[in-house]
Amino acid sequence: MRRGPLPPSPLWGSPCRSATSAPAVSLAGAQVTSETKEVPENQPVDIPCSAYRSDWGSPRIEWKFQKGSSLVLFYYAGALTDPYKNRVVFSVTSIHFTTVTREDTGKYICEVVGGDSQIAKSEVNLIVQVPPSKPVAHVPSSATIGRTAVLRCTESDGSPPPTFRWYRDGMLVPTDPKSSLSFRNSSYTLDSTTGELTFNPVSAFDTGDYYCEASNNVGTAQRSDTVRMEASEVNVGGIVAAVVVLLMLLGLIAFGIWFAYSRGYFQRKDTASKKVIYSQPSQRSDGEFKQTSSFLV
């Protein structure tokens, strides 16, 4: 698909993440074309350089690979860079992968500079198709009626990213609960892109066995294990009973401490400081000794 002139990209004048650096070339006035290609994993693919012009003589051609915030040189100074030497065949009009993996998903940028400073650029968004793996259903085992409960479905391998569907007791959960007699008493929102099913608020009708399914039109859809969620009222009686038991335990502990103090179990007996003092009469006859009194301190 060919598009008209696009505004300059902030990456065009930025250095690439590579051991080899290229002289900076302004592509602000370049005509840009963009297209998307999808190919199954482990299959070959040709990525065209639509920017190439045969009437430009022998232009300088550079390929770059962008994935997220990473931008690396792919083909520079007439040679493929190390990661691609044994996997890619270069020609002036395209690059050929003998086989692709999921790591090759990203944007391939071909920049062409002619001898008279003509410039052109083309981009190919490559999506390597990978079927989804078995998703994981994150479902709370219990939910309180009147509160909010969030169910999540996650999957990490599918390319392009899969969409998600939820099932309760084997029945497909519709996007709009009011559209189904089986779900019209529930109140929820369903995001098929993120896989989140949010009940707000939870009702007694939301009890059931839940599982989710991931699909991206590559291979067969994958389903998670089934997890049961029970919706129940707040157990006021149980809370009151727990509080009563706790107060009784605190009362028994307090009584035990009081009883121990009253019996003197926490009082220290200090006998080391006791002394016996004797007093003797100031006058006595020779050869006579008689203890007259004593007292204990």
C-alpha atoms as a PDB file:
ATOM      1  CA  MET A   1       0.000   0.000   0.000  1.00  0.00           C
ATOM      2  CA  ARG A   2       1.461   3.352  -1.121  1.00  0.00           C
ATOM      3  CA  ARG A   3       0.949   6.526   0.829  1.00  0.00           C
ATOM      4  CA  GLY A   4       1.653  10.190   0.175  1.00  0.00           C
ATOM      5  CA  PRO A   5       4.405  12.207   1.841  1.00  0.00           C
ATOM      6  CA  LEU A   6       4.599  11.710   5.598  1.00  0.00           C
ATOM      7  CA  PRO A   7       6.015  14.146   8.141  1.00  0.00           C
ATOM      8  CA  PRO A   8       9.631  13.559   9.101  1.00  0.00           C
ATOM      9  CA  SER A   9      10.223  10.788  11.630  1.00  0.00           C
ATOM     10  CA  PRO A  10      12.300  11.674  14.693  1.00  0.00           C
ATOM     11  CA  LEU A  11      14.349   8.535  14.023  1.00  0.00           C
ATOM     12  CA  TRP A  12      15.579   9.564  10.607  1.00  0.00           C
ATOM     13  CA  GLY A  13      18.368  11.755  11.891  1.00  0.00           C
ATOM     14  CA  SER A  14      19.097   9.607  14.954  1.00  0.00           C
ATOM     15  CA  PRO A  15      22.150   7.336  15.275  1.00  0.00           C
ATOM     16  CA  CYS A  16      21.503   3.604  15.004  1.00  0.00           C
ATOM     17  CA  ARG A  17      22.415   1.104  17.659  1.00  0.00           C
ATOM     18  CA  SER A  18      25.228  -0.712  15.887  1.00  0.00           C
ATOM     19  CA  ALA A  19      28.966  -1.167  16.063  1.00  0.00           C
ATOM     20  CA  THR A  20      29.126   0.610  12.689  1.00  0.00           C
ATOM     21  CA  SER A  21      27.846   4.171  12.318  1.00  0.00           C
ATOM     22  CA  ALA A  22      26.677   5.803   9.079  1.00  0.00           C
ATOM     23  CA  PRO A  23      27.057   9.411   7.994  1.00  0.00           C
ATOM     24  CA  ALA A  24      23.947  11.369   8.890  1.00  0.00           C
ATOM     25  CA  VAL A  25      21.595  11.953   5.945  1.00  0.00           C
ATOM     26  CA  SER A  26      18.499  14.123   6.186  1.00  0.00           C
ATOM     27  CA  LEU A  27      15.437  12.344   4.776  1.00  0.00           C
ATOM     28  CA  ALA A  28      13.040  15.186   5.512  1.00  0.00           C
ATOM     29  CA  GLY A  29      12.085  15.592   1.857  1.00  0.00           C
ATOM     30  CA  ALA A  30      11.944  11.900   0.990  1.00  0.00           C
ATOM     31  CA  GLN A  31       8.907  10.149  -0.447  1.00  0.00           C
ATOM     32  CA  VAL A  32       7.908   7.346   1.943  1.00  0.00           C
ATOM     33  CA  THR A  33       5.975   4.183   1.206  1.00  0.00           C
ATOM     34  CA  SER A  34       4.721   1.763   3.836  1.00  0.00           C
ATOM     35  CA  GLU A  35       3.194  -1.705   3.799  1.00  0.00           C
ATOM     36  CA  THR A  36       2.560  -4.666   6.075  1.00  0.00           C
ATOM     37  CA  LYS A  37       3.488  -8.283   5.423  1.00  0.00           C
ATOM     38  CA  GLU A  38       2.469 -11.317   7.444  1.00  0.00           C
ATOM     39  CA  VAL A  39       4.231 -14.670   7.191  1.00  0.00           C
ATOM     40  CA  PRO A  40       4.040 -17.860   9.301  1.00  0.00           C
ATOM     41  CA  GLU A  41       6.956 -18.602  11.598  1.00  0.00           C
ATOM     42  CA  ASN A  42       9.792 -20.706  10.131  1.00  0.00           C
ATOM     43  CA  GLN A  43       8.845 -19.749   6.566  1.00  0.00           C
ATOM     44  CA  PRO A  44      10.867 -17.681   4.027  1.00  0.00           C
ATOM     45  CA  VAL A  45       9.899 -14.120   3.125  1.00  0.00           C
ATOM     46  CA  ASP A  46      10.979 -11.337   0.747  1.00  0.00           C
ATOM     47  CA  ILE A  47      10.899  -7.776   2.034  1.00  0.00           C
ATOM     48  CA  PRO A  48      10.877  -5.283  -0.852  1.00  0.00           C
ATOM     49  CA  CYS A  49      12.745  -1.999  -1.014  1.00  0.00           C
ATOM     50  CA  SER A  50      10.137   0.107  -2.789  1.00  0.00           C
ATOM     51  CA  ALA A  51      12.402   3.149  -2.428  1.00  0.00           C
ATOM     52  CA  TYR A  52      14.924   1.791  -4.948  1.00  0.00           C
ATOM     53  CA  ARG A  53      15.107   3.672  -8.264  1.00  0.00           C
ATOM     54  CA  SER A  54      16.931   2.009 -11.152  1.00  0.00           C
ATOM     55  CA  ASP A  55      17.427   5.346 -12.913  1.00  0.00           C
ATOM     56  CA  TRP A  56      19.501   6.646  -9.992  1.00  0.00           C
ATOM     57  CA  GLY A  57      22.577   4.770 -11.192  1.00  0.00           C
ATOM     58  CA  SER A  58      24.287   3.118  -8.218  1.00  0.00           C
ATOM     59  CA  PRO A  59      22.623   4.663  -5.178  1.00  0.00           C
ATOM     60  CA  ARG A  60      23.682   4.030  -1.619  1.00  0.00           C
ATOM     61  CA  ILE A  61      21.272   1.613   0.070  1.00  0.00           C
ATOM     62  CA  GLU A  62      20.884   1.086   3.802  1.00  0.00           C
ATOM     63  CA  TRP A  63      18.541  -1.187   5.699  1.00  0.00           C
ATOM     64  CA  LYS A  64      17.544  -0.647   9.326  1.00  0.00           C
ATOM     65  CA  PHE A  65      15.462  -2.764  11.688  1.00  0.00           C
ATOM     66  CA  GLN A  66      13.231  -1.139  14.296  1.00  0.00           C
ATOM     67  CA  LYS A  67      11.600  -3.018  17.146  1.00  0.00           C
ATOM     68  CA  GLY A  68      10.096  -0.954  19.918  1.00  0.00           C
ATOM     69  CA  SER A  69      12.635   1.720  20.842  1.00  0.00           C
ATOM     70  CA  SER A  70      15.551  -0.231  19.344  1.00  0.00           C
ATOM     71  CA  LEU A  71      16.916   0.788  15.922  1.00  0.00           C
ATOM     72  CA  VAL A  72      19.846  -1.189  14.453  1.00  0.00           C
ATOM     73  CA  LEU A  73      21.728  -1.201  11.163  1.00  0.00           C
ATOM     74  CA  PHE A  74      20.774  -4.212   9.071  1.00  0.00           C
ATOM     75  CA  TYR A  75      22.639  -3.563   5.810  1.00  0.00           C
ATOM     76  CA  TYR A  76      25.367  -0.901   5.524  1.00  0.00           C
ATOM     77  CA  ALA A  77      28.362  -0.102   3.298  1.00  0.00           C
ATOM     78  CA  GLY A  78      27.513  -2.910   0.907  1.00  0.00           C
ATOM     79  CA  ALA A  79      27.383  -5.668   3.536  1.00  0.00           C
ATOM     80  CA  LEU A  80      24.963  -7.299   5.940  1.00  0.00           C
ATOM     81  CA  THR A  81      25.731  -6.842   9.626  1.00  0.00           C
ATOM     82  CA  ASP A  82      26.743  -9.855  11.698  1.00  0.00           C
ATOM     83  CA  PRO A  83      23.365 -11.058  13.032  1.00  0.00           C
ATOM     84  CA  TYR A  84      21.984 -11.431   9.485  1.00  0.00           C
ATOM     85  CA  LYS A  85      24.924 -12.631   7.362  1.00  0.00           C
ATOM     86  CA  ASN A  86      23.875 -16.274   7.402  1.00  0.00           C
ATOM     87  CA  ARG A  87      20.117 -15.709   7.302  1.00  0.00           C
ATOM     88  CA  VAL A  88      19.507 -13.018   4.711  1.00  0.00           C
ATOM     89  CA  VAL A  89      20.245 -12.602   0.997  1.00  0.00           C
ATOM     90  CA  PHE A  90      20.533  -8.991  -0.206  1.00  0.00           C
ATOM     91  CA  SER A  91      19.544  -7.537  -3.555  1.00  0.00           C
ATOM     92  CA  VAL A  92      19.029  -3.920  -4.568  1.00  0.00           C
ATOM     93  CA  THR A  93      15.271  -4.406  -4.730  1.00  0.00           C
ATOM     94  CA  SER A  94      14.686  -6.568  -1.624  1.00  0.00           C
ATOM     95  CA  ILE A  95      16.099  -8.651   1.191  1.00  0.00           C
ATOM     96  CA  HIS A  96      15.265 -12.359   1.394  1.00  0.00           C
ATOM     97  CA  PHE A  97      14.975 -14.265   4.701  1.00  0.00           C
ATOM     98  CA  THR A  98      15.552 -17.987   4.316  1.00  0.00           C
ATOM     99  CA  THR A  99      13.430 -18.465   7.433  1.00  0.00           C
ATOM    100  CA  VAL A 100      11.884 -16.139  10.021  1.00  0.00           C
ATOM    101  CA  THR A 101      11.211 -16.468  13.732  1.00  0.00           C
ATOM    102  CA  ARG A 102       8.958 -14.495  16.064  1.00  0.00           C
ATOM    103  CA  GLU A 103      11.963 -12.331  16.977  1.00  0.00           C
ATOM    104  CA  ASP A 104      12.012 -10.975  13.413  1.00  0.00           C
ATOM    105  CA  THR A 105       8.680  -9.203  13.895  1.00  0.00           C
ATOM    106  CA  GLY A 106       9.221  -5.459  13.497  1.00  0.00           C
ATOM    107  CA  LYS A 107       9.718  -2.625  11.014  1.00  0.00           C
ATOM    108  CA  TYR A 108      12.264  -2.904   8.177  1.00  0.00           C
ATOM    109  CA  ILE A 109      13.373   0.460   6.771  1.00  0.00           C
ATOM    110  CA  CYS A 110      15.076   0.827   3.395  1.00  0.00           C
ATOM    111  CA  GLU A 111      16.779   4.175   2.739  1.00  0.00           C
ATOM    112  CA  VAL A 112      18.126   5.027  -0.714  1.00  0.00           C
ATOM    113  CA  VAL A 113      20.367   8.009  -1.504  1.00  0.00           C
ATOM    114  CA  GLY A 114      21.196   8.730  -5.165  1.00  0.00           C
ATOM    115  CA  GLY A 115      24.350  10.308  -6.546  1.00  0.00           C
ATOM    116  CA  ASP A 116      22.595  13.629  -7.047  1.00  0.00           C
ATOM    117  CA  SER A 117      21.342  13.644  -3.444  1.00  0.00           C
ATOM    118  CA  GLN A 118      17.991  12.113  -4.391  1.00  0.00           C
ATOM    119  CA  ILE A 119      16.496  10.418  -1.380  1.00  0.00           C
ATOM    120  CA  ALA A 120      13.724   7.858  -0.880  1.00  0.00           C
ATOM    121  CA  LYS A 121      12.545   5.644   1.904  1.00  0.00           C
ATOM    122  CA  SER A 122      10.262   2.635   2.254  1.00  0.00           C
ATOM    123  CA  GLU A 123       9.037   0.734   5.311  1.00  0.00           C
ATOM    124  CA  VAL A 124       7.705  -2.788   5.734  1.00  0.00           C
ATOM    125  CA  ASN A 125       6.006  -3.859   8.951  1.00  0.00           C
ATOM    126  CA  LEU A 126       6.707  -7.570   9.207  1.00  0.00           C
ATOM    127  CA  ILE A 127       4.436  -9.671  11.403  1.00  0.00           C
ATOM    128  CA  VAL A 128       5.663 -13.205  11.944  1.00  0.00           C
ATOM    129  CA  GLN A 129       2.553 -15.254  12.622  1.00  0.00           C
ATOM    130  CA  VAL A 130       2.692 -17.394  15.773  1.00  0.00           C
ATOM    131  CA  PRO A 131      -0.346 -19.222  17.159  1.00  0.00           C
ATOM    132  CA  PRO A 132      -1.230 -18.451  20.772  1.00  0.00           C
ATOM    133  CA  SER A 133      -0.108 -20.721  23.558  1.00  0.00           C
ATOM    134  CA  LYS A 134      -2.377 -21.974  26.323  1.00  0.00           C
ATOM    135  CA  PRO A 135      -3.659 -18.906  28.206  1.00  0.00           C
ATOM    136  CA  VAL A 136      -3.873 -18.593  31.968  1.00  0.00           C
ATOM    137  CA  ALA A 137      -7.171 -17.604  33.617  1.00  0.00           C
ATOM    138  CA  HIS A 138      -6.717 -15.524  36.761  1.00  0.00           C
ATOM    139  CA  VAL A 139     -10.036 -15.999  38.590  1.00  0.00           C
ATOM    140  CA  PRO A 140     -10.665 -15.297  42.297  1.00  0.00           C
ATOM    141  CA  SER A 141     -12.007 -18.346  44.105  1.00  0.00           C
ATOM    142  CA  SER A 142     -14.517 -16.174  45.965  1.00  0.00           C
ATOM    143  CA  ALA A 143     -16.097 -12.782  45.395  1.00  0.00           C
ATOM    144  CA  THR A 144     -18.257 -10.690  47.705  1.00  0.00           C
ATOM    145  CA  ILE A 145     -21.664  -9.721  46.392  1.00  0.00           C
ATOM    146  CA  GLY A 146     -21.849  -5.977  45.883  1.00  0.00           C
ATOM    147  CA  ARG A 147     -18.084  -5.593  45.442  1.00  0.00           C
ATOM    148  CA  THR A 148     -15.887  -5.557  42.315  1.00  0.00           C
ATOM    149  CA  ALA A 149     -14.189  -8.680  40.936  1.00  0.00           C
ATOM    150  CA  VAL A 150     -11.682  -8.717  38.045  1.00  0.00           C
ATOM    151  CA  LEU A 151     -10.948 -11.837  35.987  1.00  0.00           C
ATOM    152  CA  ARG A 152      -7.849 -11.741  33.767  1.00  0.00           C
ATOM    153  CA  CYS A 153      -6.751 -13.877  30.822  1.00  0.00           C
ATOM    154  CA  THR A 154      -3.060 -13.752  29.832  1.00  0.00           C
ATOM    155  CA  GLU A 155      -1.038 -15.233  26.975  1.00  0.00           C
ATOM    156  CA  SER A 156       2.497 -14.300  25.879  1.00  0.00           C
ATOM    157  CA  ASP A 157       3.385 -16.091  22.604  1.00  0.00           C
ATOM    158  CA  GLY A 158       0.748 -15.198  20.014  1.00  0.00           C
ATOM    159  CA  SER A 159       1.686 -12.954  17.078  1.00  0.00           C
ATOM    160  CA  PRO A 160      -0.198 -10.894  16.203  1.00  0.00           C
ATOM    161  CA  PRO A 161      -1.448 -10.478  19.788  1.00  0.00           C
ATOM    162  CA  PRO A 162      -4.567 -12.583  20.339  1.00  0.00           C
ATOM    163  CA  THR A 163      -8.037 -11.506  21.339  1.00  0.00           C
ATOM    164  CA  PHE A 164      -9.794 -13.148  24.275  1.00  0.00           C
ATOM    165  CA  ARG A 165     -13.199 -14.610  25.030  1.00  0.00           C
ATOM    166  CA  TRP A 166     -14.623 -15.782  28.350  1.00  0.00           C
ATOM    167  CA  TYR A 167     -16.945 -18.697  29.128  1.00  0.00           C
ATOM    168  CA  ARG A 168     -19.060 -19.382  32.214  1.00  0.00           C
ATOM    169  CA  ASP A 169     -20.355 -22.899  32.758  1.00  0.00           C
ATOM    170  CA  GLY A 170     -19.496 -23.629  29.123  1.00  0.00           C
ATOM    171  CA  MET A 171     -21.466 -20.665  27.746  1.00  0.00           C
ATOM    172  CA  LEU A 172     -19.818 -17.786  25.877  1.00  0.00           C
ATOM    173  CA  VAL A 173     -19.901 -14.574  27.919  1.00  0.00           C
ATOM    174  CA  PRO A 174     -21.304 -11.889  25.569  1.00  0.00           C
ATOM    175  CA  THR A 175     -19.833  -8.417  25.357  1.00  0.00           C
ATOM    176  CA  ASP A 176     -23.178  -6.949  26.443  1.00  0.00           C
ATOM    177  CA  PRO A 177     -24.793  -8.858  29.329  1.00  0.00           C
ATOM    178  CA  LYS A 178     -28.226  -7.467  28.412  1.00  0.00           C
ATOM    179  CA  SER A 179     -28.063  -9.252  25.062  1.00  0.00           C
ATOM    180  CA  SER A 180     -28.384 -12.703  26.655  1.00  0.00           C
ATOM    181  CA  LEU A 181     -31.066 -14.132  28.933  1.00  0.00           C
ATOM    182  CA  SER A 182     -28.406 -16.118  30.766  1.00  0.00           C
ATOM    183  CA  PHE A 183     -26.342 -13.051  31.644  1.00  0.00           C
ATOM    184  CA  ARG A 184     -28.854 -10.202  31.841  1.00  0.00           C
ATOM    185  CA  ASN A 185     -28.784 -10.281  35.668  1.00  0.00           C
ATOM    186  CA  SER A 186     -25.030  -9.693  35.683  1.00  0.00           C
ATOM    187  CA  SER A 187     -23.252  -6.358  35.504  1.00  0.00           C
ATOM    188  CA  TYR A 188     -19.814  -6.477  33.881  1.00  0.00           C
ATOM    189  CA  THR A 189     -17.499  -5.067  31.212  1.00  0.00           C
ATOM    190  CA  LEU A 190     -15.473  -7.264  28.867  1.00  0.00           C
ATOM    191  CA  ASP A 191     -12.303  -6.118  27.072  1.00  0.00           C
ATOM    192  CA  SER A 192     -11.426  -8.653  24.383  1.00  0.00           C
ATOM    193  CA  THR A 193      -8.045  -7.002  23.748  1.00  0.00           C
ATOM    194  CA  THR A 194      -6.703  -7.115  27.305  1.00  0.00           C
ATOM    195  CA  GLY A 195      -8.683 -10.182  28.360  1.00  0.00           C
ATOM    196  CA  GLU A 196     -10.173  -8.498  31.434  1.00  0.00           C
ATOM    197  CA  LEU A 197     -13.679  -9.375  32.610  1.00  0.00           C
ATOM    198  CA  THR A 198     -14.754  -6.968  35.365  1.00  0.00           C
ATOM    199  CA  PHE A 199     -17.861  -7.560  37.481  1.00  0.00           C
ATOM    200  CA  ASN A 200     -19.079  -4.351  39.087  1.00  0.00           C
ATOM    201  CA  PRO A 201     -20.882  -5.149  41.224  1.00  0.00           C
ATOM    202  CA  VAL A 202     -20.747  -8.913  41.754  1.00  0.00           C
ATOM    203  CA  SER A 203     -24.139 -10.603  41.997  1.00  0.00           C
ATOM    204  CA  ALA A 204     -25.235 -14.064  43.099  1.00  0.00           C
ATOM    205  CA  PHE A 205     -25.728 -14.964  39.423  1.00  0.00           C
ATOM    206  CA  ASP A 206     -21.979 -14.654  38.785  1.00  0.00           C
ATOM    207  CA  THR A 207     -21.095 -17.873  40.581  1.00  0.00           C
ATOM    208  CA  GLY A 208     -19.795 -20.437  38.102  1.00  0.00           C
ATOM    209  CA  ASP A 209     -16.928 -22.230  36.379  1.00  0.00           C
ATOM    210  CA  TYR A 210     -14.899 -19.840  34.213  1.00  0.00           C
ATOM    211  CA  TYR A 211     -12.303 -20.327  31.500  1.00  0.00           C
ATOM    212  CA  CYS A 212     -10.941 -18.088  28.748  1.00  0.00           C
ATOM    213  CA  GLU A 213      -9.913 -18.605  25.139  1.00  0.00           C
ATOM    214  CA  ALA A 214      -7.164 -16.891  23.078  1.00  0.00           C
ATOM    215  CA  SER A 215      -7.169 -16.710  19.274  1.00  0.00           C
ATOM    216  CA  ASN A 216      -5.396 -14.692  16.560  1.00  0.00           C
ATOM    217  CA  ASN A 217      -6.504 -16.503  13.380  1.00  0.00           C
ATOM    218  CA  VAL A 218      -3.200 -18.417  13.340  1.00  0.00           C
ATOM    219  CA  GLY A 219      -3.630 -22.066  14.173  1.00  0.00           C
ATOM    220  CA  THR A 220      -6.386 -23.118  16.549  1.00  0.00           C
ATOM    221  CA  ALA A 221      -7.782 -21.163  19.474  1.00  0.00           C
ATOM    222  CA  GLN A 222      -6.372 -22.136  22.866  1.00  0.00           C
ATOM    223  CA  ARG A 223      -8.372 -22.374  26.090  1.00  0.00           C
ATOM    224  CA  SER A 224      -7.291 -22.128  29.701  1.00  0.00           C
ATOM    225  CA  ASP A 225      -8.018 -24.408  32.611  1.00  0.00           C
ATOM    226  CA  THR A 226     -11.379 -23.975  34.336  1.00  0.00           C
ATOM    227  CA  VAL A 227     -11.505 -22.082  37.636  1.00  0.00           C
ATOM    228  CA  ARG A 228     -14.582 -21.769  39.845  1.00  0.00           C
ATOM    229  CA  MET A 229     -15.676 -18.488  41.412  1.00  0.00           C
ATOM    230  CA  GLU A 230     -18.191 -18.399  44.278  1.00  0.00           C
ATOM    231  CA  ALA A 231     -20.188 -15.216  44.842  1.00  0.00           C
ATOM    232  CA  SER A 232     -21.352 -14.851  48.460  1.00  0.00           C
ATOM    233  CA  GLU A 233     -22.717 -12.297  50.904  1.00  0.00           C
ATOM    234  CA  VAL A 234     -20.526 -10.760  53.580  1.00  0.00           C
ATOM    235  CA  ASN A 235     -20.531 -13.258  56.508  1.00  0.00           C
ATOM    236  CA  VAL A 236     -21.646 -10.876  59.271  1.00  0.00           C
ATOM    237  CA  GLY A 237     -22.360 -13.708  61.711  1.00  0.00           C
ATOM    238  CA  GLY A 238     -18.864 -15.097  61.248  1.00  0.00           C
ATOM    239  CA  ILE A 239     -17.279 -11.716  61.817  1.00  0.00           C
ATOM    240  CA  VAL A 240     -19.294 -11.172  65.030  1.00  0.00           C
ATOM    241  CA  ALA A 241     -18.386 -14.648  66.289  1.00  0.00           C
ATOM    242  CA  ALA A 242     -14.688 -14.006  65.627  1.00  0.00           C
ATOM    243  CA  VAL A 243     -14.833 -10.718  67.540  1.00  0.00           C
ATOM    244  CA  VAL A 244     -16.563 -12.396  70.503  1.00  0.00           C
ATOM    245  CA  VAL A 245     -13.961 -15.163  70.627  1.00  0.00           C
ATOM    246  CA  LEU A 246     -11.149 -12.606  70.503  1.00  0.00           C
ATOM    247  CA  LEU A 247     -12.665 -10.593  73.369  1.00  0.00           C
ATOM    248  CA  MET A 248     -13.027 -13.773  75.443  1.00  0.00           C
ATOM    249  CA  LEU A 249      -9.384 -14.640  74.883  1.00  0.00           C
ATOM    250  CA  LEU A 250      -8.287 -11.155  75.879  1.00  0.00           C
ATOM    251  CA  GLY A 251     -10.471 -11.392  79.001  1.00  0.00           C
ATOM    252  CA  LEU A 252      -8.911 -14.727  80.006  1.00  0.00           C
ATOM    253  CA  ILE A 253      -5.414 -13.334  79.538  1.00  0.00           C
ATOM    254  CA  ALA A 254      -6.235 -10.274  81.657  1.00  0.00           C
ATOM    255  CA  PHE A 255      -7.762 -12.468  84.389  1.00  0.00           C
ATOM    256  CA  GLY A 256      -4.709 -14.724  84.435  1.00  0.00           C
ATOM    257  CA  ILE A 257      -2.362 -11.764  84.875  1.00  0.00           C
ATOM    258  CA  TRP A 258      -4.522 -10.334  87.698  1.00  0.00           C
ATOM    259  CA  PHE A 259      -4.694 -13.705  89.449  1.00  0.00           C
ATOM    260  CA  ALA A 260      -0.920 -14.151  89.289  1.00  0.00           C
ATOM    261  CA  TYR A 261      -0.312 -10.722  90.802  1.00  0.00           C
ATOM    262  CA  SER A 262      -2.874 -11.300  93.545  1.00  0.00           C
ATOM    263  CA  ARG A 263      -1.113 -14.523  94.540  1.00  0.00           C
ATOM    264  CA  GLY A 264       2.241 -12.801  94.614  1.00  0.00           C
ATOM    265  CA  TYR A 265       3.758 -14.828  91.815  1.00  0.00           C
ATOM    266  CA  PHE A 266       5.347 -11.699  90.380  1.00  0.00           C
ATOM    267  CA  GLN A 267       6.797 -10.441  93.754  1.00  0.00           C
ATOM    268  CA  ARG A 268      10.516 -10.957  94.562  1.00  0.00           C
ATOM    269  CA  LYS A 269      11.571 -12.317  97.963  1.00  0.00           C
ATOM    270  CA  ASP A 270      14.864 -10.697  99.040  1.00  0.00           C
ATOM    271  CA  THR A 271      16.388 -12.620 101.974  1.00  0.00           C
ATOM    272  CA  ALA A 272      19.990 -11.620 101.318  1.00  0.00           C
ATOM    273  CA  SER A 273      19.496  -8.215 102.954  1.00  0.00           C
ATOM    274  CA  LYS A 274      18.296  -9.588 106.293  1.00  0.00           C
ATOM    275  CA  LYS A 275      20.752  -9.242 109.189  1.00  0.00           C
ATOM    276  CA  VAL A 276      20.662 -10.435 112.802  1.00  0.00           C
ATOM    277  CA  ILE A 277      21.915  -7.816 115.288  1.00  0.00           C
ATOM    278  CA  TYR A 278      22.715  -8.680 118.836  1.00  0.00           C
ATOM    279  CA  SER A 279      22.882  -6.238 121.750  1.00  0.00           C
ATOM    280  CA  GLN A 280      24.771  -6.968 124.939  1.00  0.00           C
ATOM    281  CA  PRO A 281      24.570  -5.342 128.337  1.00  0.00           C
ATOM    282  CA  SER A 282      27.102  -2.602 128.957  1.00  0.00           C
ATOM    283  CA  GLN A 283      28.013  -4.036 132.347  1.00  0.00           C
ATOM    284  CA  ARG A 284      28.577  -7.619 133.322  1.00  0.00           C
ATOM    285  CA  SER A 285      30.532  -9.355 135.909  1.00  0.00           C
ATOM    286  CA  ASP A 286      33.750 -11.065 135.116  1.00  0.00           C
ATOM    287  CA  GLY A 287      33.328 -14.554 133.730  1.00  0.00           C
ATOM    288  CA  GLU A 288      29.669 -14.019 133.020  1.00  0.00           C
ATOM    289  CA  PHE A 289      28.088 -13.669 129.582  1.00  0.00           C
ATOM    290  CA  LYS A 290      24.422 -13.608 128.887  1.00  0.00           C
ATOM    291  CA  GLN A 291      22.513 -12.645 125.778  1.00  0.00           C
ATOM    292  CA  THR A 292      19.845 -10.236 126.782  1.00  0.00           C
ATOM    293  CA  SER A 293      18.129  -9.302 123.543  1.00  0.00           C
ATOM    294  CA  SER A 294      18.259  -9.566 119.774  1.00  0.00           C
ATOM    295  CA  PHE A 295      16.232  -8.347 116.858  1.00  0.00           C
ATOM    296  CA  LEU A 296      16.043  -9.048 113.190  1.00  0.00           C
ATOM    297  CA  VAL A 297      16.430  -6.351 110.572  1.00  0.00           C
END
